[in-house]
Amino acid sequence: ALEGRHRRAFGTAGAVMIAALVIAPVAAGSRAVAGREAQPFADRYARSVFAELPRHAVVFSFDAELTQPLVYEQVVLHKRPDVLVVAADGLAYPWYRDEISRRLGRALPPIQGNSAIDATSAVKAVLGTRPVYLDPVAVEALTGLVGYHWVGLLAQAVRGTAAVPSSPAAFYANLRLSERTAGLPAPSWDLWPNILVTDSSYATAGLAAAGSFYHAG
């Protein structure tokens, strides 16, 4: 009986040691990810976007990671209710297009079944009635379909289909202000999943700012 107890005790100790060897490294490696849950990265991104938008603007976003922080700020925190956030890639769905038409107070053109084409028709339908802005992913998706000029983190839609040159200095200054609002630069923004937002928004706008300096000589 004594020998059996020793075996059980040894087995329990061994299991605890194995669990510690397996679980501890995983927990340590995940600590940084878990810690980021307490950081308001999405809120900071939303603040940097809303800071660039004038009253009653419409902003078209083409990526869930960039759209949902804005919706959260409005629905949960009641920030910037004057802004209409449009998930541009959802405009190919009749129910969502009807919802946006209702909120705009005007009917949008019929659906064509192509997300870029449907977003383009919506942008052009709103131009002239409210200030219209595009996030960096929307700019890339609608280049050649919608005219725009960069403001900072966002671009403002304009008539036509061509990109209109921006003042490089003003563009870069506004982008830097947006980055500071978001707490950039910071190592935590270069870790997953925050890097999805960093690359698709701030980094994309930064490349456009560099391009504007290049084209201006």
C-alpha atoms as a PDB file:
ATOM      1  CA  ALA A   1       0.000   0.000   0.000  1.00  0.00           C
ATOM      2  CA  LEU A   2       2.854   2.341   0.862  1.00  0.00           C
ATOM      3  CA  GLU A   3       4.515   1.596  -2.445  1.00  0.00           C
ATOM      4  CA  GLY A   4       1.249   2.344  -4.257  1.00  0.00           C
ATOM      5  CA  ARG A   5       0.955   5.719  -2.533  1.00  0.00           C
ATOM      6  CA  HIS A   6       4.525   6.538  -3.524  1.00  0.00           C
ATOM      7  CA  ARG A   7       3.774   5.662  -7.131  1.00  0.00           C
ATOM      8  CA  ARG A   8       0.639   7.823  -7.142  1.00  0.00           C
ATOM      9  CA  ALA A   9       2.523  10.718  -5.546  1.00  0.00           C
ATOM     10  CA  PHE A  10       5.339  10.374  -8.061  1.00  0.00           C
ATOM     11  CA  GLY A  11       2.828  10.231 -10.898  1.00  0.00           C
ATOM     12  CA  THR A  12       1.047  13.360  -9.660  1.00  0.00           C
ATOM     13  CA  ALA A  13       4.315  15.243  -9.266  1.00  0.00           C
ATOM     14  CA  GLY A  14       5.393  14.169 -12.728  1.00  0.00           C
ATOM     15  CA  ALA A  15       2.122  15.343 -14.234  1.00  0.00           C
ATOM     16  CA  VAL A  16       2.486  18.705 -12.518  1.00  0.00           C
ATOM     17  CA  MET A  17       6.043  19.068 -13.822  1.00  0.00           C
ATOM     18  CA  ILE A  18       5.037  18.137 -17.374  1.00  0.00           C
ATOM     19  CA  ALA A  19       2.106  20.556 -17.259  1.00  0.00           C
ATOM     20  CA  ALA A  20       4.387  23.300 -16.014  1.00  0.00           C
ATOM     21  CA  LEU A  21       6.898  22.650 -18.777  1.00  0.00           C
ATOM     22  CA  VAL A  22       4.195  22.686 -21.436  1.00  0.00           C
ATOM     23  CA  ILE A  23       1.860  25.396 -20.171  1.00  0.00           C
ATOM     24  CA  ALA A  24       4.317  27.911 -18.729  1.00  0.00           C
ATOM     25  CA  PRO A  25       6.023  28.759 -22.050  1.00  0.00           C
ATOM     26  CA  VAL A  26       2.647  29.062 -23.783  1.00  0.00           C
ATOM     27  CA  ALA A  27       1.324  31.336 -21.041  1.00  0.00           C
ATOM     28  CA  ALA A  28       4.466  33.439 -21.114  1.00  0.00           C
ATOM     29  CA  GLY A  29       4.308  33.761 -24.881  1.00  0.00           C
ATOM     30  CA  SER A  30       0.648  34.763 -24.747  1.00  0.00           C
ATOM     31  CA  ARG A  31       1.079  37.282 -21.962  1.00  0.00           C
ATOM     32  CA  ALA A  32       1.803  40.156 -24.340  1.00  0.00           C
ATOM     33  CA  VAL A  33      -1.277  39.355 -26.418  1.00  0.00           C
ATOM     34  CA  ALA A  34      -3.492  39.070 -23.351  1.00  0.00           C
ATOM     35  CA  GLY A  35      -2.103  42.318 -21.969  1.00  0.00           C
ATOM     36  CA  ARG A  36      -3.050  44.189 -25.129  1.00  0.00           C
ATOM     37  CA  GLU A  37      -6.712  43.457 -24.448  1.00  0.00           C
ATOM     38  CA  ALA A  38      -6.573  46.125 -21.750  1.00  0.00           C
ATOM     39  CA  GLN A  39      -5.208  48.723 -24.157  1.00  0.00           C
ATOM     40  CA  PRO A  40      -7.753  50.878 -26.045  1.00  0.00           C
ATOM     41  CA  PHE A  41      -6.185  50.483 -29.488  1.00  0.00           C
ATOM     42  CA  ALA A  42      -9.524  50.415 -31.300  1.00  0.00           C
ATOM     43  CA  ASP A  43     -10.655  53.522 -29.411  1.00  0.00           C
ATOM     44  CA  ARG A  44      -7.449  55.325 -30.355  1.00  0.00           C
ATOM     45  CA  TYR A  45      -7.892  54.455 -34.005  1.00  0.00           C
ATOM     46  CA  ALA A  46     -11.497  55.670 -33.940  1.00  0.00           C
ATOM     47  CA  ARG A  47     -10.478  58.934 -32.271  1.00  0.00           C
ATOM     48  CA  SER A  48      -7.826  59.561 -34.908  1.00  0.00           C
ATOM     49  CA  VAL A  49     -10.402  59.033 -37.665  1.00  0.00           C
ATOM     50  CA  PHE A  50     -13.154  61.136 -36.116  1.00  0.00           C
ATOM     51  CA  ALA A  51     -10.681  63.945 -35.384  1.00  0.00           C
ATOM     52  CA  GLU A  52     -10.213  64.424 -39.151  1.00  0.00           C
ATOM     53  CA  LEU A  53     -13.912  64.428 -40.025  1.00  0.00           C
ATOM     54  CA  PRO A  54     -15.984  67.627 -40.189  1.00  0.00           C
ATOM     55  CA  ARG A  55     -19.556  67.736 -38.928  1.00  0.00           C
ATOM     56  CA  HIS A  56     -22.072  65.502 -40.732  1.00  0.00           C
ATOM     57  CA  ALA A  57     -19.398  63.780 -42.796  1.00  0.00           C
ATOM     58  CA  VAL A  58     -19.832  60.368 -44.417  1.00  0.00           C
ATOM     59  CA  VAL A  59     -16.832  58.031 -44.196  1.00  0.00           C
ATOM     60  CA  PHE A  60     -16.528  54.927 -46.368  1.00  0.00           C
ATOM     61  CA  SER A  61     -14.482  52.072 -44.894  1.00  0.00           C
ATOM     62  CA  PHE A  62     -13.537  48.888 -46.751  1.00  0.00           C
ATOM     63  CA  ASP A  63     -12.286  46.651 -43.951  1.00  0.00           C
ATOM     64  CA  ALA A  64     -14.065  45.252 -40.886  1.00  0.00           C
ATOM     65  CA  GLU A  65     -11.006  45.899 -38.687  1.00  0.00           C
ATOM     66  CA  LEU A  66     -11.275  49.596 -39.594  1.00  0.00           C
ATOM     67  CA  THR A  67     -15.068  49.879 -39.653  1.00  0.00           C
ATOM     68  CA  GLN A  68     -16.038  48.230 -36.384  1.00  0.00           C
ATOM     69  CA  PRO A  69     -14.001  50.530 -34.071  1.00  0.00           C
ATOM     70  CA  LEU A  70     -15.905  53.504 -35.522  1.00  0.00           C
ATOM     71  CA  VAL A  71     -19.278  51.798 -35.113  1.00  0.00           C
ATOM     72  CA  TYR A  72     -18.391  50.822 -31.539  1.00  0.00           C
ATOM     73  CA  GLU A  73     -17.500  54.398 -30.628  1.00  0.00           C
ATOM     74  CA  GLN A  74     -20.851  55.591 -31.955  1.00  0.00           C
ATOM     75  CA  VAL A  75     -23.150  52.846 -30.671  1.00  0.00           C
ATOM     76  CA  VAL A  76     -21.557  52.084 -27.305  1.00  0.00           C
ATOM     77  CA  LEU A  77     -19.758  55.297 -26.373  1.00  0.00           C
ATOM     78  CA  HIS A  78     -22.109  57.694 -28.233  1.00  0.00           C
ATOM     79  CA  LYS A  79     -19.240  59.541 -29.941  1.00  0.00           C
ATOM     80  CA  ARG A  80     -19.717  61.504 -33.187  1.00  0.00           C
ATOM     81  CA  PRO A  81     -23.331  60.534 -33.933  1.00  0.00           C
ATOM     82  CA  ASP A  82     -23.308  63.172 -36.676  1.00  0.00           C
ATOM     83  CA  VAL A  83     -20.952  61.040 -38.803  1.00  0.00           C
ATOM     84  CA  LEU A  84     -22.344  58.302 -41.044  1.00  0.00           C
ATOM     85  CA  VAL A  85     -19.977  55.324 -41.103  1.00  0.00           C
ATOM     86  CA  VAL A  86     -20.474  53.192 -44.214  1.00  0.00           C
ATOM     87  CA  ALA A  87     -19.064  49.675 -44.510  1.00  0.00           C
ATOM     88  CA  ALA A  88     -18.378  50.051 -48.215  1.00  0.00           C
ATOM     89  CA  ASP A  89     -17.962  46.332 -48.826  1.00  0.00           C
ATOM     90  CA  GLY A  90     -21.474  45.784 -47.450  1.00  0.00           C
ATOM     91  CA  LEU A  91     -23.183  47.963 -50.049  1.00  0.00           C
ATOM     92  CA  ALA A  92     -23.601  44.967 -52.366  1.00  0.00           C
ATOM     93  CA  TYR A  93     -26.225  43.623 -49.917  1.00  0.00           C
ATOM     94  CA  PRO A  94     -29.768  44.988 -50.472  1.00  0.00           C
ATOM     95  CA  TRP A  95     -30.671  45.186 -46.763  1.00  0.00           C
ATOM     96  CA  TYR A  96     -27.536  47.191 -45.914  1.00  0.00           C
ATOM     97  CA  ARG A  97     -27.914  49.476 -48.904  1.00  0.00           C
ATOM     98  CA  ASP A  98     -31.515  50.135 -47.854  1.00  0.00           C
ATOM     99  CA  GLU A  99     -30.330  50.951 -44.319  1.00  0.00           C
ATOM    100  CA  ILE A 100     -27.751  53.439 -45.568  1.00  0.00           C
ATOM    101  CA  SER A 101     -30.338  54.990 -47.919  1.00  0.00           C
ATOM    102  CA  ARG A 102     -32.673  55.429 -44.956  1.00  0.00           C
ATOM    103  CA  ARG A 103     -29.983  57.089 -42.862  1.00  0.00           C
ATOM    104  CA  LEU A 104     -28.992  59.360 -45.741  1.00  0.00           C
ATOM    105  CA  GLY A 105     -32.582  60.276 -46.483  1.00  0.00           C
ATOM    106  CA  ARG A 106     -32.096  59.514 -50.162  1.00  0.00           C
ATOM    107  CA  ALA A 107     -32.154  56.421 -52.337  1.00  0.00           C
ATOM    108  CA  LEU A 108     -28.873  54.999 -53.596  1.00  0.00           C
ATOM    109  CA  PRO A 109     -28.488  53.731 -57.179  1.00  0.00           C
ATOM    110  CA  PRO A 110     -29.449  50.094 -57.874  1.00  0.00           C
ATOM    111  CA  ILE A 111     -27.075  47.318 -56.859  1.00  0.00           C
ATOM    112  CA  GLN A 112     -24.691  46.022 -59.528  1.00  0.00           C
ATOM    113  CA  GLY A 113     -23.324  43.083 -57.529  1.00  0.00           C
ATOM    114  CA  ASN A 114     -19.732  44.329 -57.443  1.00  0.00           C
ATOM    115  CA  SER A 115     -18.553  45.795 -54.128  1.00  0.00           C
ATOM    116  CA  ALA A 116     -16.249  48.396 -55.717  1.00  0.00           C
ATOM    117  CA  ILE A 117     -18.849  49.495 -58.279  1.00  0.00           C
ATOM    118  CA  ASP A 118     -21.632  49.622 -55.684  1.00  0.00           C
ATOM    119  CA  ALA A 119     -19.456  51.647 -53.312  1.00  0.00           C
ATOM    120  CA  THR A 120     -18.521  54.003 -56.156  1.00  0.00           C
ATOM    121  CA  SER A 121     -22.151  54.684 -57.024  1.00  0.00           C
ATOM    122  CA  ALA A 122     -22.906  55.358 -53.361  1.00  0.00           C
ATOM    123  CA  VAL A 123     -19.979  57.783 -53.016  1.00  0.00           C
ATOM    124  CA  LYS A 124     -21.040  59.702 -56.113  1.00  0.00           C
ATOM    125  CA  ALA A 125     -24.656  59.805 -54.961  1.00  0.00           C
ATOM    126  CA  VAL A 126     -23.634  61.438 -51.667  1.00  0.00           C
ATOM    127  CA  LEU A 127     -21.071  63.891 -53.078  1.00  0.00           C
ATOM    128  CA  GLY A 128     -22.407  67.421 -53.013  1.00  0.00           C
ATOM    129  CA  THR A 129     -24.835  66.703 -50.182  1.00  0.00           C
ATOM    130  CA  ARG A 130     -22.387  65.901 -47.355  1.00  0.00           C
ATOM    131  CA  PRO A 131     -18.590  65.841 -46.977  1.00  0.00           C
ATOM    132  CA  VAL A 132     -17.418  62.390 -48.096  1.00  0.00           C
ATOM    133  CA  TYR A 133     -14.216  60.704 -46.902  1.00  0.00           C
ATOM    134  CA  LEU A 134     -12.466  57.416 -47.625  1.00  0.00           C
ATOM    135  CA  ASP A 135     -10.250  55.412 -45.314  1.00  0.00           C
ATOM    136  CA  PRO A 136      -6.940  54.140 -46.781  1.00  0.00           C
ATOM    137  CA  VAL A 137      -8.342  50.728 -47.745  1.00  0.00           C
ATOM    138  CA  ALA A 138     -11.288  52.380 -49.485  1.00  0.00           C
ATOM    139  CA  VAL A 139      -8.867  54.635 -51.382  1.00  0.00           C
ATOM    140  CA  GLU A 140      -7.008  51.599 -52.698  1.00  0.00           C
ATOM    141  CA  ALA A 141     -10.240  49.784 -53.593  1.00  0.00           C
ATOM    142  CA  LEU A 142     -11.766  52.768 -55.418  1.00  0.00           C
ATOM    143  CA  THR A 143      -8.677  54.226 -57.129  1.00  0.00           C
ATOM    144  CA  GLY A 144      -9.581  54.992 -60.741  1.00  0.00           C
ATOM    145  CA  LEU A 145     -13.285  54.963 -59.904  1.00  0.00           C
ATOM    146  CA  VAL A 146     -13.595  57.880 -57.481  1.00  0.00           C
ATOM    147  CA  GLY A 147     -11.701  61.171 -57.368  1.00  0.00           C
ATOM    148  CA  TYR A 148     -10.011  62.030 -54.075  1.00  0.00           C
ATOM    149  CA  HIS A 149      -7.282  63.997 -52.394  1.00  0.00           C
ATOM    150  CA  TRP A 150      -5.472  62.973 -49.234  1.00  0.00           C
ATOM    151  CA  VAL A 151      -6.135  64.994 -46.090  1.00  0.00           C
ATOM    152  CA  GLY A 152      -4.182  62.980 -43.530  1.00  0.00           C
ATOM    153  CA  LEU A 153      -5.151  59.512 -42.385  1.00  0.00           C
ATOM    154  CA  LEU A 154      -8.210  59.874 -44.624  1.00  0.00           C
ATOM    155  CA  ALA A 155      -8.803  61.113 -48.151  1.00  0.00           C
ATOM    156  CA  GLN A 156     -11.686  63.362 -49.155  1.00  0.00           C
ATOM    157  CA  ALA A 157     -13.718  62.257 -52.167  1.00  0.00           C
ATOM    158  CA  VAL A 158     -14.113  64.765 -55.002  1.00  0.00           C
ATOM    159  CA  ARG A 159     -15.783  64.842 -58.401  1.00  0.00           C
ATOM    160  CA  GLY A 160     -14.180  62.844 -61.179  1.00  0.00           C
ATOM    161  CA  THR A 161     -12.134  59.669 -61.099  1.00  0.00           C
ATOM    162  CA  ALA A 162      -8.570  60.939 -60.667  1.00  0.00           C
ATOM    163  CA  ALA A 163      -6.459  61.536 -57.597  1.00  0.00           C
ATOM    164  CA  VAL A 164      -5.994  65.249 -56.957  1.00  0.00           C
ATOM    165  CA  PRO A 165      -2.551  66.279 -55.606  1.00  0.00           C
ATOM    166  CA  SER A 166      -2.485  67.300 -51.956  1.00  0.00           C
ATOM    167  CA  SER A 167      -0.150  69.732 -50.245  1.00  0.00           C
ATOM    168  CA  PRO A 168       2.616  67.349 -49.079  1.00  0.00           C
ATOM    169  CA  ALA A 169       3.401  69.378 -45.979  1.00  0.00           C
ATOM    170  CA  ALA A 170      -0.240  69.669 -44.867  1.00  0.00           C
ATOM    171  CA  PHE A 171      -0.891  66.016 -45.693  1.00  0.00           C
ATOM    172  CA  TYR A 172       2.065  64.847 -43.636  1.00  0.00           C
ATOM    173  CA  ALA A 173       1.312  67.182 -40.713  1.00  0.00           C
ATOM    174  CA  ASN A 174      -2.270  65.926 -40.480  1.00  0.00           C
ATOM    175  CA  LEU A 175      -1.134  62.317 -40.703  1.00  0.00           C
ATOM    176  CA  ARG A 176       1.404  62.824 -37.917  1.00  0.00           C
ATOM    177  CA  LEU A 177      -1.331  64.358 -35.763  1.00  0.00           C
ATOM    178  CA  SER A 178      -3.505  61.283 -36.364  1.00  0.00           C
ATOM    179  CA  GLU A 179      -0.615  59.015 -35.442  1.00  0.00           C
ATOM    180  CA  ARG A 180      -0.017  60.906 -32.203  1.00  0.00           C
ATOM    181  CA  THR A 181      -3.726  60.679 -31.389  1.00  0.00           C
ATOM    182  CA  ALA A 182      -3.452  56.904 -31.792  1.00  0.00           C
ATOM    183  CA  GLY A 183      -0.319  56.733 -29.650  1.00  0.00           C
ATOM    184  CA  LEU A 184       2.061  55.991 -32.512  1.00  0.00           C
ATOM    185  CA  PRO A 185       4.866  55.138 -32.739  1.00  0.00           C
ATOM    186  CA  ALA A 186       4.723  52.340 -30.175  1.00  0.00           C
ATOM    187  CA  PRO A 187       6.006  48.754 -30.285  1.00  0.00           C
ATOM    188  CA  SER A 188       2.571  47.428 -29.334  1.00  0.00           C
ATOM    189  CA  TRP A 189       1.142  48.717 -32.617  1.00  0.00           C
ATOM    190  CA  ASP A 190       3.543  46.421 -34.493  1.00  0.00           C
ATOM    191  CA  LEU A 191       2.214  43.259 -32.833  1.00  0.00           C
ATOM    192  CA  TRP A 192      -0.711  41.120 -33.935  1.00  0.00           C
ATOM    193  CA  PRO A 193      -3.597  41.955 -34.139  1.00  0.00           C
ATOM    194  CA  ASN A 194      -2.867  45.691 -33.923  1.00  0.00           C
ATOM    195  CA  ILE A 195      -0.510  45.497 -36.885  1.00  0.00           C
ATOM    196  CA  LEU A 196      -3.520  44.774 -39.116  1.00  0.00           C
ATOM    197  CA  VAL A 197      -4.747  48.302 -38.422  1.00  0.00           C
ATOM    198  CA  THR A 198      -1.257  49.815 -38.523  1.00  0.00           C
ATOM    199  CA  ASP A 199      -0.428  48.410 -41.943  1.00  0.00           C
ATOM    200  CA  SER A 200      -3.775  48.969 -43.629  1.00  0.00           C
ATOM    201  CA  SER A 201      -4.313  52.507 -42.356  1.00  0.00           C
ATOM    202  CA  TYR A 202      -1.391  54.517 -40.951  1.00  0.00           C
ATOM    203  CA  ALA A 203       1.322  52.783 -43.003  1.00  0.00           C
ATOM    204  CA  THR A 204      -0.743  52.994 -46.193  1.00  0.00           C
ATOM    205  CA  ALA A 205      -1.381  56.703 -45.672  1.00  0.00           C
ATOM    206  CA  GLY A 206       2.308  57.164 -44.856  1.00  0.00           C
ATOM    207  CA  LEU A 207       3.309  55.670 -48.215  1.00  0.00           C
ATOM    208  CA  ALA A 208       0.847  58.014 -49.935  1.00  0.00           C
ATOM    209  CA  ALA A 209       2.383  60.971 -48.062  1.00  0.00           C
ATOM    210  CA  ALA A 210       5.853  59.941 -49.202  1.00  0.00           C
ATOM    211  CA  GLY A 211       4.530  59.689 -52.748  1.00  0.00           C
ATOM    212  CA  SER A 212       3.085  63.190 -52.562  1.00  0.00           C
ATOM    213  CA  PHE A 213       6.502  64.592 -51.615  1.00  0.00           C
ATOM    214  CA  TYR A 214       8.094  62.663 -54.453  1.00  0.00           C
ATOM    215  CA  HIS A 215       5.635  63.912 -57.078  1.00  0.00           C
ATOM    216  CA  ALA A 216       6.024  67.470 -55.789  1.00  0.00           C
ATOM    217  CA  GLY A 217       9.744  67.216 -56.400  1.00  0.00           C
END
